[in-house]
Amino acid sequence: MNWLRQRLDELNMSQSELTRLLQIEGMEVSSSAISHWTNGRYNPPLEDDSFRRALANALKLEIPELLRRAGYPVINGKHSDKAERAAILIDRMTPEDQDKALRVIEALSS
């Protein structure tokens, strides 16, 4: 079964609900695009950071788990649990807030 179809089933979420959630996140998607993704005809544009974040939010997944389910190799690094947690939090932020957070972390580490 397609990973996206499986996740929608796990959440008891319809394709139209996913379309609505992505549109609320500012993504321009159509119901037919969602249908193509759930049928495996096309893949969602996971290379786009904003889209990846929006889809992870809509599917209630962390980005690494989203990528794993989509078949991308996700290498578990040798980072502490706190570092992994910080990365997850930063991934949820807007690009502008990500830059701010990195500046704060860099300032604290010097």
N, C-alpha and C. Protein backbone atom coordinates (compact mmCIF):
# COMPACT_ATOMS: atom_id res chain seq x y z
N MET A 1 0.85 -1.18 0.00
CA MET A 1 0.00 0.00 0.00
C MET A 1 0.89 1.25 0.00
N ASN A 2 0.46 2.25 -0.68
CA ASN A 2 1.16 3.53 -0.74
C ASN A 2 1.28 4.12 0.67
N TRP A 3 2.46 4.66 0.99
CA TRP A 3 2.72 5.19 2.34
C TRP A 3 1.75 6.31 2.71
N LEU A 4 1.41 7.16 1.74
CA LEU A 4 0.52 8.27 2.02
C LEU A 4 -0.90 7.77 2.27
N ARG A 5 -1.35 6.85 1.45
CA ARG A 5 -2.69 6.25 1.64
C ARG A 5 -2.75 5.58 3.01
N GLN A 6 -1.67 4.89 3.38
CA GLN A 6 -1.62 4.21 4.67
C GLN A 6 -1.72 5.21 5.82
N ARG A 7 -0.99 6.33 5.71
CA ARG A 7 -1.04 7.33 6.78
C ARG A 7 -2.42 7.97 6.88
N LEU A 8 -3.03 8.26 5.75
CA LEU A 8 -4.39 8.81 5.78
C LEU A 8 -5.34 7.83 6.46
N ASP A 9 -5.18 6.54 6.16
CA ASP A 9 -6.02 5.53 6.82
C ASP A 9 -5.77 5.50 8.32
N GLU A 10 -4.48 5.59 8.72
CA GLU A 10 -4.14 5.59 10.15
C GLU A 10 -4.81 6.75 10.88
N LEU A 11 -4.88 7.89 10.20
CA LEU A 11 -5.47 9.10 10.80
C LEU A 11 -6.97 9.20 10.57
N ASN A 12 -7.51 8.25 9.80
CA ASN A 12 -8.92 8.31 9.40
C ASN A 12 -9.21 9.66 8.73
N MET A 13 -8.29 10.05 7.83
CA MET A 13 -8.36 11.35 7.15
C MET A 13 -8.66 11.12 5.66
N SER A 14 -9.53 11.92 5.12
CA SER A 14 -9.85 11.83 3.69
C SER A 14 -8.84 12.62 2.87
N GLN A 15 -8.83 12.35 1.59
CA GLN A 15 -7.98 13.11 0.68
C GLN A 15 -8.39 14.58 0.67
N SER A 16 -9.68 14.83 0.73
CA SER A 16 -10.15 16.22 0.71
C SER A 16 -9.73 16.95 1.99
N GLU A 17 -9.70 16.24 3.12
CA GLU A 17 -9.24 16.86 4.37
C GLU A 17 -7.76 17.20 4.28
N LEU A 18 -6.96 16.31 3.69
CA LEU A 18 -5.54 16.59 3.51
C LEU A 18 -5.36 17.79 2.59
N THR A 19 -6.13 17.85 1.53
CA THR A 19 -6.07 19.00 0.62
C THR A 19 -6.35 20.29 1.39
N ARG A 20 -7.39 20.29 2.20
CA ARG A 20 -7.78 21.47 2.97
C ARG A 20 -6.67 21.87 3.95
N LEU A 21 -6.09 20.90 4.65
CA LEU A 21 -5.03 21.20 5.62
C LEU A 21 -3.80 21.79 4.94
N LEU A 22 -3.45 21.25 3.79
CA LEU A 22 -2.29 21.79 3.06
C LEU A 22 -2.58 23.19 2.54
N GLN A 23 -3.81 23.43 2.10
CA GLN A 23 -4.17 24.78 1.64
C GLN A 23 -4.14 25.78 2.79
N ILE A 24 -4.56 25.35 3.97
CA ILE A 24 -4.49 26.22 5.15
C ILE A 24 -3.04 26.58 5.45
N GLU A 25 -2.13 25.65 5.20
CA GLU A 25 -0.69 25.88 5.41
C GLU A 25 -0.07 26.74 4.30
N GLY A 26 -0.90 27.13 3.31
CA GLY A 26 -0.41 27.99 2.24
C GLY A 26 0.07 27.26 1.01
N MET A 27 -0.16 25.97 0.94
CA MET A 27 0.27 25.19 -0.22
C MET A 27 -0.83 25.19 -1.28
N GLU A 28 -0.43 25.38 -2.52
CA GLU A 28 -1.39 25.34 -3.62
C GLU A 28 -1.45 23.91 -4.15
N VAL A 29 -2.43 23.16 -3.66
CA VAL A 29 -2.60 21.77 -4.08
C VAL A 29 -4.05 21.55 -4.46
N SER A 30 -4.25 20.60 -5.33
CA SER A 30 -5.60 20.25 -5.75
C SER A 30 -5.94 18.85 -5.26
N SER A 31 -7.21 18.54 -5.25
CA SER A 31 -7.65 17.20 -4.87
C SER A 31 -7.10 16.16 -5.83
N SER A 32 -6.96 16.52 -7.09
CA SER A 32 -6.43 15.55 -8.05
C SER A 32 -4.96 15.26 -7.79
N ALA A 33 -4.20 16.26 -7.33
CA ALA A 33 -2.79 16.03 -6.99
C ALA A 33 -2.70 15.05 -5.83
N ILE A 34 -3.53 15.25 -4.81
CA ILE A 34 -3.54 14.35 -3.65
C ILE A 34 -3.90 12.94 -4.11
N SER A 35 -4.87 12.82 -4.99
CA SER A 35 -5.26 11.52 -5.52
C SER A 35 -4.10 10.84 -6.23
N HIS A 36 -3.37 11.59 -7.04
CA HIS A 36 -2.21 11.03 -7.73
C HIS A 36 -1.16 10.55 -6.74
N TRP A 37 -0.94 11.32 -5.67
CA TRP A 37 0.06 10.94 -4.67
C TRP A 37 -0.36 9.68 -3.93
N THR A 38 -1.64 9.59 -3.56
CA THR A 38 -2.10 8.43 -2.79
C THR A 38 -2.20 7.18 -3.65
N ASN A 39 -2.33 7.35 -4.95
CA ASN A 39 -2.36 6.20 -5.86
C ASN A 39 -0.98 5.83 -6.36
N GLY A 40 0.03 6.60 -5.97
CA GLY A 40 1.40 6.29 -6.37
C GLY A 40 1.75 6.71 -7.79
N ARG A 41 0.88 7.45 -8.44
CA ARG A 41 1.15 7.89 -9.81
C ARG A 41 2.27 8.93 -9.82
N TYR A 42 2.22 9.86 -8.88
CA TYR A 42 3.25 10.89 -8.72
C TYR A 42 3.64 10.94 -7.26
N ASN A 43 4.77 11.55 -6.99
CA ASN A 43 5.22 11.75 -5.62
C ASN A 43 4.98 13.19 -5.20
N PRO A 44 4.67 13.40 -3.92
CA PRO A 44 4.54 14.77 -3.44
C PRO A 44 5.89 15.48 -3.52
N PRO A 45 5.90 16.79 -3.66
CA PRO A 45 7.16 17.54 -3.82
C PRO A 45 7.92 17.70 -2.49
N LEU A 46 8.46 16.62 -1.98
CA LEU A 46 9.13 16.64 -0.68
C LEU A 46 10.47 17.36 -0.70
N GLU A 47 10.98 17.68 -1.89
CA GLU A 47 12.24 18.44 -1.97
C GLU A 47 12.04 19.90 -1.58
N ASP A 48 10.80 20.36 -1.54
CA ASP A 48 10.45 21.72 -1.15
C ASP A 48 10.30 21.77 0.38
N ASP A 49 11.16 22.53 1.05
CA ASP A 49 11.15 22.60 2.51
C ASP A 49 9.80 23.00 3.07
N SER A 50 9.19 24.02 2.49
CA SER A 50 7.89 24.50 2.99
C SER A 50 6.82 23.45 2.84
N PHE A 51 6.83 22.78 1.70
CA PHE A 51 5.83 21.73 1.48
C PHE A 51 6.06 20.57 2.43
N ARG A 52 7.30 20.18 2.58
CA ARG A 52 7.65 19.05 3.46
C ARG A 52 7.16 19.35 4.88
N ARG A 53 7.38 20.56 5.35
CA ARG A 53 6.95 20.95 6.69
C ARG A 53 5.41 20.94 6.78
N ALA A 54 4.74 21.47 5.77
CA ALA A 54 3.27 21.51 5.76
C ALA A 54 2.69 20.10 5.75
N LEU A 55 3.26 19.22 4.93
CA LEU A 55 2.75 17.85 4.86
C LEU A 55 3.00 17.11 6.17
N ALA A 56 4.17 17.30 6.76
CA ALA A 56 4.45 16.67 8.05
C ALA A 56 3.45 17.13 9.10
N ASN A 57 3.16 18.44 9.14
CA ASN A 57 2.18 18.96 10.09
C ASN A 57 0.80 18.36 9.84
N ALA A 58 0.39 18.32 8.59
CA ALA A 58 -0.94 17.80 8.25
C ALA A 58 -1.06 16.32 8.61
N LEU A 59 0.03 15.57 8.43
CA LEU A 59 0.00 14.13 8.69
C LEU A 59 0.42 13.79 10.12
N LYS A 60 0.67 14.83 10.94
CA LYS A 60 1.05 14.65 12.34
C LYS A 60 2.29 13.75 12.47
N LEU A 61 3.30 14.08 11.67
CA LEU A 61 4.55 13.34 11.68
C LEU A 61 5.71 14.32 11.83
N GLU A 62 6.79 13.87 12.42
CA GLU A 62 8.02 14.64 12.40
C GLU A 62 8.62 14.47 11.00
N ILE A 63 9.39 15.44 10.56
CA ILE A 63 9.93 15.41 9.20
C ILE A 63 10.77 14.15 8.93
N PRO A 64 11.66 13.74 9.84
CA PRO A 64 12.41 12.50 9.55
C PRO A 64 11.51 11.29 9.34
N GLU A 65 10.44 11.19 10.12
CA GLU A 65 9.51 10.06 9.96
C GLU A 65 8.76 10.17 8.64
N LEU A 66 8.37 11.36 8.26
CA LEU A 66 7.72 11.57 6.96
C LEU A 66 8.64 11.08 5.84
N LEU A 67 9.90 11.49 5.90
CA LEU A 67 10.85 11.10 4.86
C LEU A 67 11.08 9.59 4.85
N ARG A 68 11.18 9.00 6.03
CA ARG A 68 11.35 7.53 6.11
C ARG A 68 10.18 6.82 5.44
N ARG A 69 8.97 7.26 5.77
CA ARG A 69 7.78 6.63 5.20
C ARG A 69 7.72 6.80 3.68
N ALA A 70 8.23 7.94 3.22
CA ALA A 70 8.23 8.20 1.77
C ALA A 70 9.35 7.45 1.05
N GLY A 71 10.19 6.76 1.80
CA GLY A 71 11.23 5.94 1.18
C GLY A 71 12.58 6.60 1.06
N TYR A 72 12.74 7.78 1.68
CA TYR A 72 14.04 8.44 1.65
C TYR A 72 14.94 7.85 2.72
N PRO A 73 16.21 7.70 2.42
CA PRO A 73 17.11 7.21 3.48
C PRO A 73 17.34 8.32 4.51
N VAL A 74 17.07 8.01 5.74
CA VAL A 74 17.27 8.95 6.83
C VAL A 74 18.31 8.33 7.74
N ILE A 75 19.44 8.97 7.80
CA ILE A 75 20.54 8.44 8.59
C ILE A 75 20.45 8.99 9.99
N ASN A 76 20.38 8.10 10.94
CA ASN A 76 20.38 8.52 12.33
C ASN A 76 21.81 8.86 12.71
N GLY A 77 22.03 10.12 12.97
CA GLY A 77 23.36 10.58 13.31
C GLY A 77 23.74 10.23 14.72
N LYS A 78 24.90 10.68 15.10
CA LYS A 78 25.41 10.42 16.43
C LYS A 78 25.18 11.64 17.31
N HIS A 79 23.95 12.13 17.27
CA HIS A 79 23.61 13.32 18.05
C HIS A 79 22.88 12.90 19.30
N SER A 80 22.98 13.72 20.31
CA SER A 80 22.27 13.45 21.55
C SER A 80 20.77 13.61 21.33
N ASP A 81 20.00 13.14 22.30
CA ASP A 81 18.55 13.30 22.22
C ASP A 81 18.17 14.77 22.19
N LYS A 82 18.92 15.60 22.94
CA LYS A 82 18.63 17.04 22.96
C LYS A 82 18.92 17.68 21.61
N ALA A 83 19.98 17.26 20.96
CA ALA A 83 20.31 17.80 19.64
C ALA A 83 19.25 17.39 18.62
N GLU A 84 18.79 16.16 18.69
CA GLU A 84 17.72 15.69 17.79
C GLU A 84 16.44 16.49 18.05
N ARG A 85 16.15 16.73 19.31
CA ARG A 85 14.96 17.51 19.67
C ARG A 85 15.05 18.94 19.13
N ALA A 86 16.24 19.54 19.26
CA ALA A 86 16.45 20.90 18.74
C ALA A 86 16.26 20.91 17.23
N ALA A 87 16.77 19.90 16.55
CA ALA A 87 16.63 19.83 15.09
C ALA A 87 15.16 19.71 14.69
N ILE A 88 14.41 18.91 15.41
CA ILE A 88 12.99 18.74 15.11
C ILE A 88 12.26 20.07 15.29
N LEU A 89 12.57 20.77 16.38
CA LEU A 89 11.92 22.06 16.64
C LEU A 89 12.28 23.07 15.55
N ILE A 90 13.53 23.13 15.17
CA ILE A 90 13.97 24.07 14.14
C ILE A 90 13.31 23.74 12.80
N ASP A 91 13.17 22.45 12.48
CA ASP A 91 12.51 22.06 11.23
C ASP A 91 11.07 22.54 11.15
N ARG A 92 10.42 22.71 12.29
CA ARG A 92 9.02 23.15 12.32
C ARG A 92 8.87 24.65 12.08
N MET A 93 9.96 25.40 12.19
CA MET A 93 9.92 26.86 12.10
C MET A 93 9.92 27.35 10.66
N THR A 94 9.52 28.60 10.53
CA THR A 94 9.64 29.26 9.23
C THR A 94 11.13 29.45 8.93
N PRO A 95 11.51 29.62 7.66
CA PRO A 95 12.93 29.84 7.36
C PRO A 95 13.53 31.02 8.12
N GLU A 96 12.76 32.09 8.30
CA GLU A 96 13.28 33.25 9.03
C GLU A 96 13.54 32.91 10.49
N ASP A 97 12.61 32.18 11.10
CA ASP A 97 12.79 31.80 12.50
C ASP A 97 13.90 30.77 12.65
N GLN A 98 14.09 29.93 11.64
CA GLN A 98 15.21 28.98 11.68
C GLN A 98 16.53 29.73 11.77
N ASP A 99 16.67 30.77 10.96
CA ASP A 99 17.90 31.58 10.99
C ASP A 99 18.10 32.21 12.36
N LYS A 100 17.03 32.74 12.94
CA LYS A 100 17.12 33.36 14.27
C LYS A 100 17.56 32.33 15.31
N ALA A 101 16.94 31.15 15.26
CA ALA A 101 17.25 30.10 16.23
C ALA A 101 18.71 29.67 16.11
N LEU A 102 19.19 29.56 14.89
CA LEU A 102 20.60 29.18 14.70
C LEU A 102 21.54 30.25 15.23
N ARG A 103 21.18 31.51 15.05
CA ARG A 103 22.02 32.60 15.59
C ARG A 103 22.06 32.53 17.12
N VAL A 104 20.92 32.24 17.74
CA VAL A 104 20.89 32.13 19.21
C VAL A 104 21.76 30.96 19.66
N ILE A 105 21.64 29.83 19.01
CA ILE A 105 22.43 28.66 19.37
C ILE A 105 23.92 28.95 19.19
N GLU A 106 24.26 29.58 18.08
CA GLU A 106 25.67 29.93 17.83
C GLU A 106 26.19 30.89 18.89
N ALA A 107 25.37 31.86 19.29
CA ALA A 107 25.79 32.81 20.32
C ALA A 107 26.00 32.10 21.67
N LEU A 108 25.15 31.16 21.98
CA LEU A 108 25.27 30.43 23.25
C LEU A 108 26.49 29.50 23.25
N SER A 109 26.88 29.03 22.07
CA SER A 109 27.98 28.07 22.02
C SER A 109 29.36 28.73 22.00
N SER A 110 29.41 30.08 21.90
CA SER A 110 30.72 30.72 21.86
C SER A 110 31.18 31.21 23.21
